[in-house]
Amino acid sequence: MLKRAFIIAEVLERELKISKIKLKIYERKEKEFESKYKMDSSEFLKKFESGQLGDDEDFFVWWGYLKALRTLKERIAILESELQRLQ
């Protein structure tokens, strides 16, 4: 049983590392959009989701990065929680 737990922990750690790398990449892209359009992401989301910004492709890409960021943060929290449970 210990070997099984070790293998599972190893896989979770690898997934956590990959997810954190992706998170940094997406956070960098988020900052690029914030700089380019001179607004923070929360302001962007409000305006975009209420239809105030139009249909520019950049806005859809930015929106996608923000949704991916939220998903990655949830994934990281779950992975960290499961790793703690195994230790």
N, C-alpha and C. Protein backbone atom coordinates (compact mmCIF):
# COMPACT_ATOMS: atom_id res chain seq x y z
N MET A 1 0.82 -1.21 0.00
CA MET A 1 0.00 0.00 0.00
C MET A 1 0.86 1.27 0.00
N LEU A 2 1.97 1.24 0.71
CA LEU A 2 2.85 2.41 0.74
C LEU A 2 3.40 2.74 -0.64
N LYS A 3 3.74 1.69 -1.38
CA LYS A 3 4.26 1.92 -2.73
C LYS A 3 3.21 2.60 -3.60
N ARG A 4 1.98 2.15 -3.47
CA ARG A 4 0.87 2.74 -4.24
C ARG A 4 0.70 4.23 -3.89
N ALA A 5 0.72 4.55 -2.61
CA ALA A 5 0.58 5.94 -2.16
C ALA A 5 1.75 6.78 -2.67
N PHE A 6 2.94 6.21 -2.67
CA PHE A 6 4.11 6.93 -3.15
C PHE A 6 3.97 7.25 -4.64
N ILE A 7 3.52 6.27 -5.41
CA ILE A 7 3.35 6.47 -6.86
C ILE A 7 2.28 7.54 -7.12
N ILE A 8 1.18 7.46 -6.39
CA ILE A 8 0.10 8.43 -6.56
C ILE A 8 0.61 9.83 -6.20
N ALA A 9 1.35 9.94 -5.10
CA ALA A 9 1.89 11.24 -4.69
C ALA A 9 2.85 11.78 -5.75
N GLU A 10 3.65 10.90 -6.32
CA GLU A 10 4.60 11.30 -7.36
C GLU A 10 3.87 11.86 -8.58
N VAL A 11 2.80 11.20 -8.98
CA VAL A 11 2.01 11.66 -10.13
C VAL A 11 1.34 13.01 -9.81
N LEU A 12 0.79 13.13 -8.62
CA LEU A 12 0.16 14.39 -8.23
C LEU A 12 1.17 15.53 -8.19
N GLU A 13 2.37 15.25 -7.69
CA GLU A 13 3.41 16.28 -7.66
C GLU A 13 3.80 16.72 -9.06
N ARG A 14 3.90 15.77 -9.99
CA ARG A 14 4.23 16.11 -11.37
C ARG A 14 3.13 16.97 -11.99
N GLU A 15 1.89 16.59 -11.76
CA GLU A 15 0.77 17.37 -12.29
C GLU A 15 0.73 18.76 -11.67
N LEU A 16 1.04 18.85 -10.39
CA LEU A 16 1.07 20.13 -9.72
C LEU A 16 2.15 21.03 -10.32
N LYS A 17 3.31 20.47 -10.57
CA LYS A 17 4.40 21.24 -11.16
C LYS A 17 4.02 21.76 -12.55
N ILE A 18 3.45 20.89 -13.37
CA ILE A 18 3.01 21.28 -14.71
C ILE A 18 1.94 22.37 -14.64
N SER A 19 0.99 22.21 -13.73
CA SER A 19 -0.08 23.20 -13.59
C SER A 19 0.46 24.55 -13.15
N LYS A 20 1.45 24.55 -12.27
CA LYS A 20 2.03 25.82 -11.82
C LYS A 20 2.81 26.51 -12.94
N ILE A 21 3.45 25.74 -13.79
CA ILE A 21 4.13 26.32 -14.96
C ILE A 21 3.11 26.96 -15.90
N LYS A 22 2.03 26.23 -16.17
CA LYS A 22 0.97 26.79 -17.02
C LYS A 22 0.39 28.05 -16.40
N LEU A 23 0.20 28.04 -15.08
CA LEU A 23 -0.35 29.20 -14.39
C LEU A 23 0.52 30.43 -14.61
N LYS A 24 1.83 30.27 -14.50
CA LYS A 24 2.74 31.40 -14.71
C LYS A 24 2.63 31.93 -16.14
N ILE A 25 2.53 31.02 -17.10
CA ILE A 25 2.41 31.43 -18.51
C ILE A 25 1.12 32.22 -18.71
N TYR A 26 0.02 31.70 -18.18
CA TYR A 26 -1.27 32.38 -18.35
C TYR A 26 -1.31 33.70 -17.60
N GLU A 27 -0.68 33.77 -16.43
CA GLU A 27 -0.62 35.04 -15.70
C GLU A 27 0.18 36.08 -16.48
N ARG A 28 1.24 35.63 -17.14
CA ARG A 28 2.03 36.54 -17.97
C ARG A 28 1.18 37.08 -19.13
N LYS A 29 0.42 36.20 -19.77
CA LYS A 29 -0.46 36.63 -20.87
C LYS A 29 -1.52 37.61 -20.35
N GLU A 30 -2.05 37.33 -19.17
CA GLU A 30 -3.04 38.23 -18.58
C GLU A 30 -2.44 39.63 -18.41
N LYS A 31 -1.23 39.71 -17.88
CA LYS A 31 -0.57 41.00 -17.68
C LYS A 31 -0.33 41.72 -19.01
N GLU A 32 0.00 40.95 -20.05
CA GLU A 32 0.19 41.55 -21.38
C GLU A 32 -1.08 42.21 -21.87
N PHE A 33 -2.22 41.52 -21.70
CA PHE A 33 -3.50 42.10 -22.13
C PHE A 33 -3.85 43.32 -21.28
N GLU A 34 -3.63 43.24 -19.97
CA GLU A 34 -3.93 44.38 -19.10
C GLU A 34 -3.11 45.60 -19.50
N SER A 35 -1.86 45.37 -19.83
CA SER A 35 -0.99 46.46 -20.26
C SER A 35 -1.43 47.02 -21.62
N LYS A 36 -1.71 46.12 -22.55
CA LYS A 36 -2.11 46.53 -23.90
C LYS A 36 -3.38 47.37 -23.89
N TYR A 37 -4.37 46.96 -23.08
CA TYR A 37 -5.66 47.64 -23.08
C TYR A 37 -5.86 48.58 -21.90
N LYS A 38 -4.82 48.70 -21.06
CA LYS A 38 -4.82 49.64 -19.94
C LYS A 38 -6.05 49.49 -19.04
N MET A 39 -6.36 48.23 -18.71
CA MET A 39 -7.42 47.94 -17.74
C MET A 39 -7.10 46.61 -17.08
N ASP A 40 -7.51 46.48 -15.82
CA ASP A 40 -7.25 45.21 -15.16
C ASP A 40 -8.29 44.17 -15.60
N SER A 41 -8.00 42.94 -15.28
CA SER A 41 -8.84 41.85 -15.79
C SER A 41 -10.24 41.85 -15.21
N SER A 42 -10.41 42.28 -13.97
CA SER A 42 -11.76 42.31 -13.41
C SER A 42 -12.63 43.34 -14.13
N GLU A 43 -12.04 44.49 -14.44
CA GLU A 43 -12.76 45.52 -15.20
C GLU A 43 -13.07 44.99 -16.61
N PHE A 44 -12.08 44.35 -17.21
CA PHE A 44 -12.28 43.77 -18.54
C PHE A 44 -13.45 42.80 -18.54
N LEU A 45 -13.47 41.87 -17.57
CA LEU A 45 -14.54 40.87 -17.51
C LEU A 45 -15.91 41.52 -17.41
N LYS A 46 -16.04 42.51 -16.56
CA LYS A 46 -17.33 43.20 -16.41
C LYS A 46 -17.77 43.80 -17.74
N LYS A 47 -16.85 44.51 -18.38
CA LYS A 47 -17.19 45.17 -19.65
C LYS A 47 -17.44 44.16 -20.77
N PHE A 48 -16.60 43.14 -20.85
CA PHE A 48 -16.73 42.15 -21.92
C PHE A 48 -18.02 41.36 -21.78
N GLU A 49 -18.29 40.89 -20.57
CA GLU A 49 -19.48 40.06 -20.36
C GLU A 49 -20.77 40.85 -20.44
N SER A 50 -20.70 42.18 -20.32
CA SER A 50 -21.90 42.99 -20.49
C SER A 50 -22.03 43.52 -21.92
N GLY A 51 -21.09 43.14 -22.79
CA GLY A 51 -21.17 43.52 -24.20
C GLY A 51 -20.64 44.90 -24.53
N GLN A 52 -19.93 45.54 -23.62
CA GLN A 52 -19.45 46.91 -23.84
C GLN A 52 -18.20 46.99 -24.70
N LEU A 53 -17.53 45.86 -24.94
CA LEU A 53 -16.24 45.92 -25.63
C LEU A 53 -16.28 45.45 -27.09
N GLY A 54 -17.34 44.89 -27.51
CA GLY A 54 -17.40 44.43 -28.89
C GLY A 54 -16.85 43.02 -29.06
N ASP A 55 -16.58 42.67 -30.32
CA ASP A 55 -16.22 41.29 -30.66
C ASP A 55 -14.79 41.14 -31.16
N ASP A 56 -13.89 41.99 -30.71
CA ASP A 56 -12.50 41.89 -31.11
C ASP A 56 -11.93 40.53 -30.69
N GLU A 57 -11.18 39.90 -31.57
CA GLU A 57 -10.63 38.57 -31.29
C GLU A 57 -9.77 38.57 -30.02
N ASP A 58 -9.00 39.63 -29.82
CA ASP A 58 -8.16 39.74 -28.62
C ASP A 58 -8.99 39.58 -27.34
N PHE A 59 -10.18 40.16 -27.33
CA PHE A 59 -11.01 40.09 -26.14
C PHE A 59 -11.45 38.66 -25.85
N PHE A 60 -11.73 37.90 -26.89
CA PHE A 60 -12.11 36.50 -26.69
C PHE A 60 -10.92 35.68 -26.20
N VAL A 61 -9.74 35.99 -26.71
CA VAL A 61 -8.52 35.30 -26.26
C VAL A 61 -8.26 35.63 -24.80
N TRP A 62 -8.35 36.90 -24.45
CA TRP A 62 -8.13 37.34 -23.06
C TRP A 62 -9.13 36.64 -22.15
N TRP A 63 -10.39 36.64 -22.53
CA TRP A 63 -11.44 35.99 -21.76
C TRP A 63 -11.10 34.50 -21.57
N GLY A 64 -10.62 33.84 -22.62
CA GLY A 64 -10.23 32.44 -22.53
C GLY A 64 -9.09 32.22 -21.55
N TYR A 65 -8.10 33.10 -21.56
CA TYR A 65 -7.00 33.00 -20.60
C TYR A 65 -7.51 33.14 -19.17
N LEU A 66 -8.42 34.06 -18.95
CA LEU A 66 -8.95 34.27 -17.60
C LEU A 66 -9.74 33.05 -17.12
N LYS A 67 -10.50 32.45 -18.00
CA LYS A 67 -11.23 31.23 -17.63
C LYS A 67 -10.25 30.09 -17.35
N ALA A 68 -9.21 29.99 -18.15
CA ALA A 68 -8.19 28.96 -17.93
C ALA A 68 -7.46 29.20 -16.61
N LEU A 69 -7.19 30.44 -16.29
CA LEU A 69 -6.54 30.77 -15.01
C LEU A 69 -7.38 30.30 -13.83
N ARG A 70 -8.66 30.57 -13.90
CA ARG A 70 -9.56 30.14 -12.81
C ARG A 70 -9.55 28.62 -12.67
N THR A 71 -9.62 27.93 -13.80
CA THR A 71 -9.61 26.47 -13.78
C THR A 71 -8.28 25.94 -13.23
N LEU A 72 -7.18 26.53 -13.65
CA LEU A 72 -5.86 26.10 -13.17
C LEU A 72 -5.72 26.32 -11.67
N LYS A 73 -6.21 27.44 -11.17
CA LYS A 73 -6.13 27.71 -9.74
C LYS A 73 -6.94 26.69 -8.94
N GLU A 74 -8.11 26.33 -9.45
CA GLU A 74 -8.91 25.29 -8.80
C GLU A 74 -8.19 23.95 -8.84
N ARG A 75 -7.59 23.63 -9.97
CA ARG A 75 -6.85 22.37 -10.14
C ARG A 75 -5.67 22.31 -9.16
N ILE A 76 -4.94 23.41 -9.05
CA ILE A 76 -3.80 23.46 -8.14
C ILE A 76 -4.25 23.26 -6.70
N ALA A 77 -5.33 23.90 -6.32
CA ALA A 77 -5.84 23.74 -4.95
C ALA A 77 -6.21 22.29 -4.67
N ILE A 78 -6.85 21.64 -5.62
CA ILE A 78 -7.23 20.23 -5.44
C ILE A 78 -6.00 19.35 -5.35
N LEU A 79 -5.04 19.55 -6.24
CA LEU A 79 -3.81 18.75 -6.22
C LEU A 79 -3.06 18.93 -4.90
N GLU A 80 -2.95 20.16 -4.43
CA GLU A 80 -2.26 20.41 -3.17
C GLU A 80 -2.98 19.75 -2.01
N SER A 81 -4.30 19.84 -2.02
CA SER A 81 -5.10 19.21 -0.97
C SER A 81 -4.91 17.70 -0.95
N GLU A 82 -4.94 17.09 -2.11
CA GLU A 82 -4.78 15.63 -2.20
C GLU A 82 -3.37 15.20 -1.80
N LEU A 83 -2.38 16.00 -2.16
CA LEU A 83 -1.01 15.68 -1.75
C LEU A 83 -0.86 15.75 -0.23
N GLN A 84 -1.46 16.75 0.40
CA GLN A 84 -1.39 16.85 1.85
C GLN A 84 -2.08 15.67 2.51
N ARG A 85 -3.18 15.25 1.94
CA ARG A 85 -3.93 14.12 2.49
C ARG A 85 -3.10 12.84 2.45
N LEU A 86 -2.29 12.70 1.42
CA LEU A 86 -1.46 11.49 1.28
C LEU A 86 -0.24 11.49 2.20
N GLN A 87 0.17 12.67 2.67
CA GLN A 87 1.39 12.74 3.48
C GLN A 87 1.14 12.53 4.94
